[in-house]
Amino acid sequence: MSGGATPKEFPSEFPIKVMGRHDSDLRSLTQAIIERHSGPIADSRVRTRTSADGNFLALTYLVLASSREQLDAIYRELTACKSVLMAL
């Protein structure tokens, strides 16, 4: 598998982007999922953006990825979460 944004060497800094409804508990739900796989994430490594109409929330977590399998597990769990509309 050739990877566009996929890191070729591990460990590597990797941004995980998550989008969901602003009225959900998106940050705590998704941060718990990511931390379960990568350990604690400092607030300085999380970017938050609210959509112009205020209905949606976009989060970017900068994680230190240790393997492709770790990233796959994070994405599997994020996409299974009902509050997550999209994970990139």
N, C-alpha and C. Protein backbone atom coordinates (compact mmCIF):
# COMPACT_ATOMS: atom_id res chain seq x y z
N MET A 1 0.85 -1.18 0.00
CA MET A 1 0.00 0.00 0.00
C MET A 1 0.88 1.23 0.00
N SER A 2 0.73 2.08 -1.00
CA SER A 2 1.49 3.32 -1.03
C SER A 2 0.74 4.35 -0.21
N GLY A 3 1.48 5.18 0.52
CA GLY A 3 0.78 6.08 1.42
C GLY A 3 1.01 7.53 1.11
N GLY A 4 -0.04 8.28 0.91
CA GLY A 4 0.07 9.71 0.74
C GLY A 4 0.48 10.34 2.06
N ALA A 5 -0.46 10.42 2.99
CA ALA A 5 -0.20 11.06 4.27
C ALA A 5 0.29 10.06 5.31
N THR A 6 0.44 8.81 4.93
CA THR A 6 0.86 7.78 5.87
C THR A 6 2.35 7.91 6.15
N PRO A 7 2.73 7.97 7.43
CA PRO A 7 4.15 8.06 7.73
C PRO A 7 4.86 6.78 7.29
N LYS A 8 6.06 6.93 6.73
CA LYS A 8 6.80 5.77 6.26
C LYS A 8 7.66 5.18 7.37
N GLU A 9 8.02 6.00 8.32
CA GLU A 9 8.85 5.53 9.42
C GLU A 9 8.15 5.83 10.73
N PHE A 10 8.30 4.91 11.66
CA PHE A 10 7.71 5.09 12.99
C PHE A 10 8.82 5.10 14.01
N PRO A 11 8.69 5.78 15.12
CA PRO A 11 7.55 6.65 15.45
C PRO A 11 7.54 7.91 14.59
N SER A 12 6.34 8.46 14.41
CA SER A 12 6.17 9.65 13.58
C SER A 12 5.00 10.48 14.09
N GLU A 13 5.15 11.81 14.00
CA GLU A 13 4.04 12.70 14.34
C GLU A 13 2.95 12.51 13.29
N PHE A 14 1.71 12.36 13.70
CA PHE A 14 0.64 12.11 12.75
C PHE A 14 -0.63 12.84 13.18
N PRO A 15 -1.19 13.70 12.31
CA PRO A 15 -2.42 14.40 12.68
C PRO A 15 -3.65 13.52 12.41
N ILE A 16 -4.51 13.42 13.40
CA ILE A 16 -5.77 12.70 13.24
C ILE A 16 -6.89 13.73 13.34
N LYS A 17 -7.68 13.85 12.26
CA LYS A 17 -8.75 14.85 12.22
C LYS A 17 -10.09 14.16 12.41
N VAL A 18 -10.90 14.77 13.27
CA VAL A 18 -12.22 14.21 13.60
C VAL A 18 -13.25 15.32 13.49
N MET A 19 -14.41 14.99 12.92
CA MET A 19 -15.48 15.98 12.82
C MET A 19 -16.77 15.39 13.33
N GLY A 20 -17.56 16.22 14.03
CA GLY A 20 -18.84 15.77 14.56
C GLY A 20 -19.72 16.96 14.90
N ARG A 21 -20.89 16.67 15.41
CA ARG A 21 -21.82 17.73 15.79
C ARG A 21 -21.29 18.46 17.02
N HIS A 22 -21.48 19.77 17.03
CA HIS A 22 -20.97 20.58 18.14
C HIS A 22 -21.70 20.27 19.45
N ASP A 23 -22.95 19.83 19.37
CA ASP A 23 -23.71 19.59 20.59
C ASP A 23 -23.41 18.23 21.22
N SER A 24 -22.56 17.43 20.59
CA SER A 24 -22.20 16.14 21.17
C SER A 24 -21.01 16.34 22.12
N ASP A 25 -20.63 15.28 22.80
CA ASP A 25 -19.49 15.33 23.71
C ASP A 25 -18.25 14.86 22.94
N LEU A 26 -18.08 15.40 21.73
CA LEU A 26 -17.09 14.92 20.78
C LEU A 26 -15.66 14.91 21.32
N ARG A 27 -15.25 15.99 21.93
CA ARG A 27 -13.85 16.07 22.38
C ARG A 27 -13.53 14.99 23.41
N SER A 28 -14.37 14.86 24.44
CA SER A 28 -14.03 13.87 25.48
C SER A 28 -14.13 12.44 24.95
N LEU A 29 -15.11 12.18 24.08
CA LEU A 29 -15.25 10.83 23.52
C LEU A 29 -14.06 10.47 22.64
N THR A 30 -13.70 11.38 21.73
CA THR A 30 -12.62 11.05 20.79
C THR A 30 -11.26 11.09 21.46
N GLN A 31 -11.07 11.98 22.41
CA GLN A 31 -9.79 12.02 23.11
C GLN A 31 -9.58 10.75 23.91
N ALA A 32 -10.64 10.22 24.52
CA ALA A 32 -10.53 8.97 25.28
C ALA A 32 -10.14 7.82 24.34
N ILE A 33 -10.72 7.79 23.15
CA ILE A 33 -10.40 6.74 22.18
C ILE A 33 -8.93 6.83 21.77
N ILE A 34 -8.50 8.02 21.40
CA ILE A 34 -7.12 8.19 20.94
C ILE A 34 -6.13 7.91 22.05
N GLU A 35 -6.41 8.39 23.26
CA GLU A 35 -5.49 8.17 24.38
C GLU A 35 -5.41 6.70 24.77
N ARG A 36 -6.47 5.96 24.53
CA ARG A 36 -6.44 4.52 24.82
C ARG A 36 -5.37 3.82 23.97
N HIS A 37 -5.12 4.36 22.79
CA HIS A 37 -4.15 3.75 21.88
C HIS A 37 -2.78 4.43 21.89
N SER A 38 -2.73 5.71 22.28
CA SER A 38 -1.46 6.44 22.15
C SER A 38 -0.95 7.07 23.44
N GLY A 39 -1.70 6.94 24.53
CA GLY A 39 -1.28 7.58 25.78
C GLY A 39 -1.83 9.00 25.88
N PRO A 40 -1.58 9.67 27.00
CA PRO A 40 -2.13 11.01 27.24
C PRO A 40 -1.71 12.02 26.16
N ILE A 41 -2.65 12.89 25.81
CA ILE A 41 -2.39 13.94 24.82
C ILE A 41 -2.53 15.29 25.52
N ALA A 42 -1.48 16.10 25.43
CA ALA A 42 -1.51 17.44 26.04
C ALA A 42 -2.47 18.33 25.25
N ASP A 43 -3.09 19.28 25.94
CA ASP A 43 -4.02 20.22 25.29
C ASP A 43 -3.34 20.97 24.13
N SER A 44 -2.05 21.19 24.25
CA SER A 44 -1.32 21.92 23.21
C SER A 44 -1.23 21.12 21.91
N ARG A 45 -1.55 19.82 21.96
CA ARG A 45 -1.48 18.96 20.78
C ARG A 45 -2.88 18.67 20.20
N VAL A 46 -3.86 19.48 20.64
CA VAL A 46 -5.23 19.34 20.14
C VAL A 46 -5.68 20.70 19.61
N ARG A 47 -6.09 20.72 18.33
CA ARG A 47 -6.64 21.96 17.75
C ARG A 47 -8.14 21.78 17.59
N THR A 48 -8.88 22.83 17.92
CA THR A 48 -10.34 22.80 17.85
C THR A 48 -10.81 23.91 16.92
N ARG A 49 -11.74 23.57 16.04
CA ARG A 49 -12.33 24.57 15.16
C ARG A 49 -13.83 24.34 15.08
N THR A 50 -14.60 25.39 15.24
CA THR A 50 -16.05 25.32 15.13
C THR A 50 -16.47 25.82 13.76
N SER A 51 -17.45 25.17 13.14
CA SER A 51 -17.92 25.60 11.82
C SER A 51 -18.54 26.99 11.92
N ALA A 52 -18.65 27.65 10.78
CA ALA A 52 -19.18 29.02 10.73
C ALA A 52 -20.58 29.11 11.34
N ASP A 53 -21.41 28.10 11.12
CA ASP A 53 -22.77 28.13 11.67
C ASP A 53 -22.84 27.60 13.10
N GLY A 54 -21.71 27.12 13.61
CA GLY A 54 -21.67 26.65 14.99
C GLY A 54 -22.24 25.26 15.22
N ASN A 55 -22.65 24.57 14.15
CA ASN A 55 -23.25 23.25 14.30
C ASN A 55 -22.25 22.11 14.38
N PHE A 56 -21.05 22.33 13.84
CA PHE A 56 -20.07 21.25 13.78
C PHE A 56 -18.77 21.65 14.46
N LEU A 57 -18.05 20.63 14.91
CA LEU A 57 -16.78 20.81 15.59
C LEU A 57 -15.75 19.95 14.88
N ALA A 58 -14.60 20.54 14.57
CA ALA A 58 -13.50 19.80 13.97
C ALA A 58 -12.34 19.79 14.96
N LEU A 59 -11.81 18.61 15.21
CA LEU A 59 -10.70 18.44 16.14
C LEU A 59 -9.53 17.83 15.40
N THR A 60 -8.33 18.31 15.66
CA THR A 60 -7.13 17.70 15.12
C THR A 60 -6.23 17.32 16.29
N TYR A 61 -5.94 16.03 16.40
CA TYR A 61 -5.05 15.52 17.45
C TYR A 61 -3.71 15.21 16.80
N LEU A 62 -2.62 15.73 17.36
CA LEU A 62 -1.30 15.41 16.86
C LEU A 62 -0.73 14.32 17.76
N VAL A 63 -0.67 13.10 17.23
CA VAL A 63 -0.22 11.97 18.04
C VAL A 63 1.15 11.49 17.56
N LEU A 64 1.86 10.84 18.44
CA LEU A 64 3.11 10.19 18.08
C LEU A 64 2.75 8.74 17.75
N ALA A 65 2.65 8.47 16.45
CA ALA A 65 2.23 7.15 16.00
C ALA A 65 3.41 6.19 16.05
N SER A 66 3.17 5.00 16.60
CA SER A 66 4.25 4.02 16.71
C SER A 66 4.17 2.94 15.63
N SER A 67 3.00 2.79 14.98
CA SER A 67 2.87 1.77 13.93
C SER A 67 1.62 2.03 13.10
N ARG A 68 1.60 1.44 11.92
CA ARG A 68 0.41 1.51 11.05
C ARG A 68 -0.77 0.82 11.74
N GLU A 69 -0.48 -0.27 12.45
CA GLU A 69 -1.53 -1.02 13.15
C GLU A 69 -2.18 -0.16 14.23
N GLN A 70 -1.37 0.65 14.92
CA GLN A 70 -1.90 1.55 15.94
C GLN A 70 -2.85 2.55 15.30
N LEU A 71 -2.45 3.15 14.19
CA LEU A 71 -3.30 4.12 13.50
C LEU A 71 -4.59 3.45 13.01
N ASP A 72 -4.48 2.25 12.45
CA ASP A 72 -5.67 1.53 11.98
C ASP A 72 -6.64 1.29 13.13
N ALA A 73 -6.12 0.92 14.29
CA ALA A 73 -6.98 0.66 15.46
C ALA A 73 -7.68 1.94 15.92
N ILE A 74 -6.96 3.06 15.90
CA ILE A 74 -7.56 4.35 16.28
C ILE A 74 -8.69 4.70 15.32
N TYR A 75 -8.42 4.60 14.02
CA TYR A 75 -9.45 4.95 13.02
C TYR A 75 -10.65 4.01 13.09
N ARG A 76 -10.42 2.73 13.32
CA ARG A 76 -11.53 1.77 13.45
C ARG A 76 -12.46 2.17 14.59
N GLU A 77 -11.85 2.51 15.73
CA GLU A 77 -12.65 2.86 16.91
C GLU A 77 -13.33 4.22 16.73
N LEU A 78 -12.64 5.18 16.11
CA LEU A 78 -13.25 6.49 15.88
C LEU A 78 -14.45 6.38 14.95
N THR A 79 -14.32 5.64 13.86
CA THR A 79 -15.42 5.55 12.90
C THR A 79 -16.60 4.74 13.47
N ALA A 80 -16.35 3.93 14.47
CA ALA A 80 -17.42 3.17 15.13
C ALA A 80 -18.19 4.05 16.14
N CYS A 81 -17.59 5.16 16.54
CA CYS A 81 -18.21 6.07 17.52
C CYS A 81 -19.36 6.83 16.85
N LYS A 82 -20.54 6.76 17.43
CA LYS A 82 -21.73 7.38 16.84
C LYS A 82 -21.64 8.91 16.74
N SER A 83 -20.84 9.54 17.59
CA SER A 83 -20.72 11.00 17.57
C SER A 83 -19.79 11.50 16.46
N VAL A 84 -18.98 10.60 15.91
CA VAL A 84 -18.02 10.98 14.88
C VAL A 84 -18.68 10.87 13.50
N LEU A 85 -18.73 12.00 12.79
CA LEU A 85 -19.27 12.01 11.43
C LEU A 85 -18.19 11.66 10.42
N MET A 86 -16.95 12.07 10.72
CA MET A 86 -15.85 11.83 9.80
C MET A 86 -14.54 11.78 10.56
N ALA A 87 -13.64 10.87 10.16
CA ALA A 87 -12.29 10.80 10.73
C ALA A 87 -11.30 10.69 9.58
N LEU A 88 -10.33 11.58 9.55
CA LEU A 88 -9.33 11.59 8.48
C LEU A 88 -7.94 11.44 9.06
